[in-house]
Amino acid sequence: MRITVFRKMMADEFGEIRADVLARDHVFGVLGGRTVDQALEAGVPTKEIWRAVCDAFEVPPDRR
C-alpha cells in the first residue's frame, strides 16, 4: 500500500486532524515503541502499520 493511500485511509477513519495527531503522537508497542510517522520513516510496511492502528483503535473488520 502506498503511503498516500495509507494517509487517506487514516483520514477517512479518524478525520484529517485526528489522523495527523495520532500519527505524530500515539506510540504503538507493536511498532517497536514508535509512532506511525516514526514507523513510516523506519521503513515499516504500511500494511503492518495499518493493522496496528486498526487493532489499537478497534476499527471494524469491514473498514480494515
C-alpha atoms as a PDB file:
ATOM      1  CA  MET A   1       0.000   0.000   0.000  1.00  0.00           C
ATOM      2  CA  ARG A   2       1.342   3.428  -0.903  1.00  0.00           C
ATOM      3  CA  ILE A   3       1.858   5.979   1.845  1.00  0.00           C
ATOM      4  CA  THR A   4      -0.657   8.304   0.175  1.00  0.00           C
ATOM      5  CA  VAL A   5      -3.297   5.562   0.279  1.00  0.00           C
ATOM      6  CA  PHE A   6      -2.410   4.845   3.919  1.00  0.00           C
ATOM      7  CA  ARG A   7      -2.749   8.543   4.842  1.00  0.00           C
ATOM      8  CA  LYS A   8      -6.130   8.715   3.100  1.00  0.00           C
ATOM      9  CA  MET A   9      -7.349   5.646   4.983  1.00  0.00           C
ATOM     10  CA  MET A  10      -6.227   7.239   8.257  1.00  0.00           C
ATOM     11  CA  ALA A  11      -8.065  10.474   7.412  1.00  0.00           C
ATOM     12  CA  ASP A  12     -11.184   8.598   6.307  1.00  0.00           C
ATOM     13  CA  GLU A  13     -11.265   6.594   9.543  1.00  0.00           C
ATOM     14  CA  PHE A  14     -10.302   9.259  12.075  1.00  0.00           C
ATOM     15  CA  GLY A  15     -10.739  12.613  10.339  1.00  0.00           C
ATOM     16  CA  GLU A  16      -7.810  14.616   8.984  1.00  0.00           C
ATOM     17  CA  ILE A  17      -6.854  16.416  12.180  1.00  0.00           C
ATOM     18  CA  ARG A  18      -7.129  13.410  14.498  1.00  0.00           C
ATOM     19  CA  ALA A  19      -5.295  11.211  11.983  1.00  0.00           C
ATOM     20  CA  ASP A  20      -2.398  13.687  11.892  1.00  0.00           C
ATOM     21  CA  VAL A  21      -2.244  13.915  15.692  1.00  0.00           C
ATOM     22  CA  LEU A  22      -2.490  10.146  16.081  1.00  0.00           C
ATOM     23  CA  ALA A  23       0.276   9.569  13.519  1.00  0.00           C
ATOM     24  CA  ARG A  24       2.540  12.075  15.230  1.00  0.00           C
ATOM     25  CA  ASP A  25       1.861  11.397  18.924  1.00  0.00           C
ATOM     26  CA  HIS A  26       0.453   7.917  19.629  1.00  0.00           C
ATOM     27  CA  VAL A  27       3.148   5.352  20.428  1.00  0.00           C
ATOM     28  CA  PHE A  28       2.412   1.751  19.430  1.00  0.00           C
ATOM     29  CA  GLY A  29       4.207  -1.020  21.294  1.00  0.00           C
ATOM     30  CA  VAL A  30       3.697  -3.424  18.388  1.00  0.00           C
ATOM     31  CA  LEU A  31       5.575  -0.991  16.168  1.00  0.00           C
ATOM     32  CA  GLY A  32       8.620  -1.133  18.405  1.00  0.00           C
ATOM     33  CA  GLY A  33       7.574   1.796  20.578  1.00  0.00           C
ATOM     34  CA  ARG A  34       7.224   4.049  17.540  1.00  0.00           C
ATOM     35  CA  THR A  35       4.575   6.440  16.334  1.00  0.00           C
ATOM     36  CA  VAL A  36       3.046   5.953  12.896  1.00  0.00           C
ATOM     37  CA  ASP A  37       5.289   8.686  11.492  1.00  0.00           C
ATOM     38  CA  GLN A  38       8.399   7.127  13.041  1.00  0.00           C
ATOM     39  CA  ALA A  39       7.432   3.675  11.770  1.00  0.00           C
ATOM     40  CA  LEU A  40       6.973   5.040   8.258  1.00  0.00           C
ATOM     41  CA  GLU A  41      10.372   6.740   8.413  1.00  0.00           C
ATOM     42  CA  ALA A  42      11.921   3.488   9.653  1.00  0.00           C
ATOM     43  CA  GLY A  43      10.531   1.629   6.638  1.00  0.00           C
ATOM     44  CA  VAL A  44       7.886  -0.452   8.402  1.00  0.00           C
ATOM     45  CA  PRO A  45       5.404  -1.617   5.747  1.00  0.00           C
ATOM     46  CA  THR A  46       2.231   0.464   5.652  1.00  0.00           C
ATOM     47  CA  LYS A  47       0.031  -2.643   5.858  1.00  0.00           C
ATOM     48  CA  GLU A  48       1.701  -3.598   9.135  1.00  0.00           C
ATOM     49  CA  ILE A  49       1.212  -0.076  10.487  1.00  0.00           C
ATOM     50  CA  TRP A  50      -2.438  -0.028   9.386  1.00  0.00           C
ATOM     51  CA  ARG A  51      -3.053  -3.357  11.159  1.00  0.00           C
ATOM     52  CA  ALA A  52      -1.504  -1.953  14.339  1.00  0.00           C
ATOM     53  CA  VAL A  53      -3.689   1.156  14.163  1.00  0.00           C
ATOM     54  CA  CYS A  54      -6.816  -0.905  13.469  1.00  0.00           C
ATOM     55  CA  ASP A  55      -6.108  -3.266  16.351  1.00  0.00           C
ATOM     56  CA  ALA A  56      -5.352  -0.460  18.811  1.00  0.00           C
ATOM     57  CA  PHE A  57      -8.459   1.530  17.926  1.00  0.00           C
ATOM     58  CA  GLU A  58     -10.781  -1.419  17.241  1.00  0.00           C
ATOM     59  CA  VAL A  59     -11.515  -0.477  13.648  1.00  0.00           C
ATOM     60  CA  PRO A  60     -14.269  -2.799  12.400  1.00  0.00           C
ATOM     61  CA  PRO A  61     -13.132  -5.558  10.022  1.00  0.00           C
ATOM     62  CA  ASP A  62     -15.069  -4.146   7.066  1.00  0.00           C
ATOM     63  CA  ARG A  63     -13.001  -0.943   7.219  1.00  0.00           C
ATOM     64  CA  ARG A  64      -9.619  -2.642   7.517  1.00  0.00           C
END
